[in-house]
Protein backbone atom coordinates (compact mmCIF):
# COMPACT_ATOMS: atom_id res chain seq x y z
CA MET A 1 0.00 0.00 0.00
CA ASN A 2 1.18 3.54 -0.70
CA ASP A 3 0.98 6.59 1.57
CA LYS A 4 -2.40 7.82 0.32
CA GLN A 5 -5.32 8.20 2.71
CA LYS A 6 -7.16 4.89 2.61
CA ILE A 7 -10.97 4.99 2.33
CA LEU A 8 -13.44 2.12 2.63
CA LEU A 9 -16.36 2.78 0.28
CA VAL A 10 -19.43 0.58 0.82
CA GLU A 11 -22.03 1.14 -1.91
CA ASP A 12 -24.42 -1.47 -3.37
CA ASP A 13 -25.19 0.52 -6.54
CA PRO A 14 -22.44 -0.84 -8.84
CA ASN A 15 -22.47 2.17 -11.17
CA LEU A 16 -22.31 4.79 -8.43
CA GLY A 17 -19.75 2.76 -6.50
CA GLN A 18 -17.40 2.54 -9.49
CA ILE A 19 -17.85 6.23 -10.36
CA LEU A 20 -17.07 7.31 -6.77
CA LYS A 21 -14.07 4.97 -6.61
CA GLU A 22 -12.55 6.26 -9.85
CA TYR A 23 -13.21 9.93 -8.97
CA LEU A 24 -11.69 9.72 -5.49
CA GLU A 25 -8.69 7.77 -6.79
CA LEU A 26 -8.09 10.55 -9.32
CA LYS A 27 -8.09 12.96 -6.36
CA GLY A 28 -5.30 11.02 -4.70
CA TYR A 29 -7.10 8.66 -2.32
CA HIS A 30 -6.68 4.90 -2.03
CA ILE A 31 -10.18 3.39 -2.32
CA GLN A 32 -11.38 -0.10 -1.45
CA LEU A 33 -14.92 -0.76 -2.69
CA ALA A 34 -17.33 -3.16 -1.02
CA ARG A 35 -20.58 -4.04 -2.79
CA ASP A 36 -22.71 -4.63 0.33
CA GLY A 37 -22.63 -4.25 4.10
CA GLU A 38 -21.49 -7.82 4.72
CA GLN A 39 -18.48 -7.42 2.43
CA GLY A 40 -17.80 -4.02 3.98
CA LYS A 41 -17.77 -5.55 7.46
CA THR A 42 -15.27 -8.21 6.37
CA MET A 43 -13.00 -5.69 4.64
CA PHE A 44 -12.99 -3.31 7.61
CA ALA A 45 -12.12 -6.12 10.02
CA LYS A 46 -9.12 -7.06 7.86
CA GLY A 47 -7.81 -3.60 6.96
CA LYS A 48 -6.83 -0.23 8.36
CA TYR A 49 -8.74 2.77 7.01
CA ASN A 50 -8.55 6.54 7.43
CA LEU A 51 -12.25 7.08 6.60
CA CYS A 52 -15.42 5.10 5.78
CA LEU A 53 -18.07 6.09 3.22
CA LEU A 54 -21.16 4.01 3.93
CA ASP A 55 -24.38 3.79 1.91
CA VAL A 56 -27.35 3.50 4.29
CA MET A 57 -29.82 1.41 2.25
CA MET A 58 -28.07 -1.89 1.55
CA PRO A 59 -29.01 -5.58 1.57
CA LYS A 60 -27.74 -8.05 4.21
CA ILE A 61 -26.31 -5.39 6.54
CA ASP A 62 -27.45 -1.77 6.20
CA GLY A 63 -25.20 1.23 6.70
CA PHE A 64 -26.35 1.96 10.25
CA GLU A 65 -25.68 -1.60 11.41
CA LEU A 66 -22.30 -1.57 9.65
CA GLY A 67 -21.47 1.79 11.23
CA SER A 68 -22.28 0.40 14.69
CA THR A 69 -20.00 -2.58 14.05
CA ILE A 70 -17.19 -0.30 12.84
CA ARG A 71 -17.57 1.84 15.98
CA GLU A 72 -17.15 -1.27 18.16
CA ILE A 73 -13.85 -1.99 16.41
CA ASP A 74 -12.60 1.59 16.02
CA GLU A 75 -14.05 4.51 17.99
CA GLU A 76 -12.17 7.17 16.04
CA VAL A 77 -12.24 6.37 12.30
CA PRO A 78 -14.39 9.03 10.55
CA ILE A 79 -17.67 7.84 8.99
CA ILE A 80 -19.67 9.63 6.27
CA TYR A 81 -23.10 8.22 5.43
CA LEU A 82 -24.38 8.28 1.83
CA THR A 83 -28.15 8.00 1.55
CA ALA A 84 -31.09 8.59 -0.75
CA LYS A 85 -33.14 9.54 2.29
CA SER A 86 -33.32 13.04 3.69
CA MET A 87 -35.45 12.24 6.72
CA LYS A 88 -34.43 14.02 9.91
CA GLU A 89 -34.84 10.82 11.94
CA ASP A 90 -32.26 8.99 9.81
CA THR A 91 -29.81 11.86 10.14
CA ILE A 92 -30.17 11.83 13.92
CA LYS A 93 -29.79 8.05 14.01
CA GLY A 94 -26.60 8.30 11.97
CA PHE A 95 -25.05 10.86 14.28
CA LYS A 96 -26.05 8.88 17.38
CA ILE A 97 -24.19 5.87 15.99
CA GLY A 98 -21.13 8.07 15.55
CA ALA A 99 -21.28 9.55 12.06
CA ASP A 100 -18.95 12.44 11.29
CA ASP A 101 -21.00 13.65 8.34
CA TYR A 102 -24.04 12.82 6.25
CA ILE A 103 -24.64 13.53 2.56
CA THR A 104 -27.93 12.98 0.71
CA LYS A 105 -28.13 11.59 -2.83
CA PRO A 106 -28.00 12.97 -5.40
CA PHE A 107 -24.87 14.91 -4.47
CA SER A 108 -22.06 16.44 -6.49
CA MET A 109 -18.64 14.81 -6.47
CA GLU A 110 -17.14 18.17 -5.54
CA GLU A 111 -19.34 18.43 -2.45
CA LEU A 112 -18.35 14.95 -1.29
CA LEU A 113 -14.66 15.75 -1.87
CA LEU A 114 -14.94 18.96 0.18
CA ARG A 115 -16.55 17.06 3.05
CA ILE A 116 -13.83 14.41 2.99
CA LYS A 117 -11.12 17.07 3.00
CA ALA A 118 -12.83 18.92 5.86
CA ILE A 119 -12.87 15.76 7.99
CA PHE A 120 -9.22 14.95 7.30
CA LYS A 121 -8.28 18.52 8.19
CA ARG A 122 -10.29 18.29 11.40
CA VAL A 123 -8.77 14.98 12.54
CA ALA A 124 -5.17 15.96 11.69
CA PRO A 125 -3.05 16.44 14.81
CA ASN A 126 -2.73 19.94 16.18
CA THR A 127 1.03 19.83 16.58
CA SER A 128 1.11 23.46 17.74
CA SER A 129 -0.42 22.22 21.01
CA VAL A 130 2.79 20.29 21.70
CA GLU A 131 4.78 22.98 23.49
CA GLY A 132 6.68 21.35 26.33
CA PRO A 133 8.94 20.77 28.02
CA ILE A 134 7.75 17.17 27.58
CA SER A 135 8.97 14.08 29.39
CA LEU A 136 9.99 11.47 26.82
CA GLY A 137 11.35 8.47 28.70
CA SER A 138 14.60 9.66 30.28
CA PHE A 139 14.67 12.65 27.90
CA THR A 140 13.15 16.09 28.25
CA PHE A 141 11.96 17.52 24.95
CA ASP A 142 11.46 21.29 24.73
CA PRO A 143 10.04 22.02 21.25
CA THR A 144 9.87 25.78 21.92
CA ARG A 145 13.65 25.91 22.36
CA ARG A 146 14.31 22.95 20.01
CA LEU A 147 16.17 21.10 22.76
CA LEU A 148 16.39 17.42 23.66
CA ALA A 149 18.04 16.89 27.05
CA LYS A 150 19.17 13.86 29.08
CA ASP A 151 21.25 13.72 32.25
CA GLY A 152 22.19 17.37 31.93
CA GLU A 153 23.35 17.07 28.31
CA GLU A 154 21.40 19.03 25.70
CA SER A 155 21.15 18.48 21.96
CA LYS A 156 19.96 21.32 19.74
CA LEU A 157 17.56 20.04 17.08
CA THR A 158 17.26 21.43 13.57
CA THR A 159 13.90 22.96 12.61
CA LYS A 160 12.82 19.85 10.67
CA GLU A 161 14.04 17.47 13.38
CA ASN A 162 12.05 19.49 15.91
CA GLU A 163 8.86 19.58 13.83
CA LEU A 164 9.09 15.87 13.05
CA LEU A 165 9.60 14.94 16.70
CA LYS A 166 6.65 17.18 17.66
CA MET A 167 4.41 15.29 15.23
CA LEU A 168 5.67 11.92 16.46
CA VAL A 169 5.00 12.96 20.07
CA SER A 170 1.49 14.16 19.18
CA TYR A 171 0.88 10.74 17.58
CA GLN A 172 2.64 8.75 20.33
CA ASN A 173 1.75 5.03 20.13
CA LYS A 174 -0.18 5.72 16.90
CA VAL A 175 0.98 5.64 13.29
CA LEU A 176 2.07 8.98 11.85
CA THR A 177 1.55 8.53 8.13
CA ARG A 178 4.27 9.59 5.73
CA THR A 179 1.86 11.72 3.70
CA LEU A 180 0.65 13.70 6.71
CA ALA A 181 4.16 14.40 7.98
CA LEU A 182 5.50 15.30 4.54
CA LYS A 183 2.68 17.69 3.70
CA HIS A 184 2.83 19.35 7.12
CA ILE A 185 6.62 19.80 7.32
CA TRP A 186 7.90 19.69 3.72
CA GLY A 187 4.83 21.04 1.92
CA ASP A 188 4.32 18.05 -0.39
CA ASP A 189 4.89 14.29 -0.44
CA SER A 190 7.23 14.05 -3.42
CA TYR A 191 9.76 11.23 -3.72
CA PHE A 192 12.70 13.47 -2.87
CA ASN A 193 11.01 14.90 0.21
CA ALA A 194 10.17 11.36 1.33
CA ARG A 195 13.85 10.42 1.10
CA SER A 196 14.71 13.58 3.03
CA MET A 197 12.29 12.60 5.79
CA ASP A 198 13.95 9.17 6.06
CA VAL A 199 17.24 10.94 6.74
CA TYR A 200 15.66 13.01 9.52
CA ILE A 201 14.06 9.91 11.05
CA THR A 202 17.54 8.35 11.16
CA LYS A 203 18.90 11.50 12.84
CA LEU A 204 16.13 11.44 15.47
CA ARG A 205 16.84 7.77 16.19
CA LYS A 206 20.49 8.68 16.85
CA HIS A 207 19.38 11.44 19.22
CA LEU A 208 17.13 9.00 21.10
CA LYS A 209 19.37 5.92 21.11
CA ALA A 210 20.64 6.69 24.65
CA ASP A 211 17.26 5.45 25.94
CA GLU A 212 16.47 1.99 24.57
CA ASN A 213 12.86 2.27 25.78
CA ILE A 214 12.11 5.12 23.36
CA GLN A 215 11.94 3.95 19.76
CA ILE A 216 10.70 5.20 16.41
CA LEU A 217 9.28 2.20 14.59
CA THR A 218 8.87 2.02 10.82
CA ILE A 219 5.39 0.77 9.95
CA HIS A 220 5.84 -0.66 6.46
CA GLY A 221 3.68 1.00 3.84
CA GLU A 222 2.22 3.48 6.33
CA GLY A 223 4.65 5.64 8.27
CA PHE A 224 6.26 5.81 11.70
CA LYS A 225 5.28 5.26 15.31
CA LEU A 226 6.94 6.67 18.43
CA VAL A 227 6.66 4.15 21.27
CA LYS A 228 7.77 3.83 24.87
CA LEU A 229 8.63 0.18 25.58
């Protein structure tokens, strides 16, 4: 899998499902399409997704039941419901289950894209809230002064090292995706910037190697995870 945001699309209308899949892939997302709620349930249980687009009216398992199942597995993954209904009761039911948004058919592709982008922007980490000084194992990390200290010895971090460590701290014990880090710190996720980020990850690992309990793990195909063992 590449570093694109991964979306589970569950839509039983084969034409609409394929159109949505192709459109969102053109916009840079990685889409997995399920043709009914049962298939969607199986796919979600086996994969890791950044967002779910669920049709409400489906055979076997409807969108609300599927959304409830997804919420039992993952309390945080964003869910957008797609429905031909515009009844207030259905909207309320969707939000009670844990929907992040709700869009009524027919809708424009542009509107759906804007809603997806708005959710991803909302759930992105607010790294500016990581000010410090922060206890990081036996280290003290002060992002305001760009300092990493241990046993009285201080290391001055470069701007990119500091920003990258801030993001890793804000995502501690969770995967920080390559795409998110690259776009936030480097401005885009080009190949050359990705290689540059690998260099800075290596530098941060050298800074942190004095404490074996603090590690930056590489999550293949996804990104990096800062963990305390």
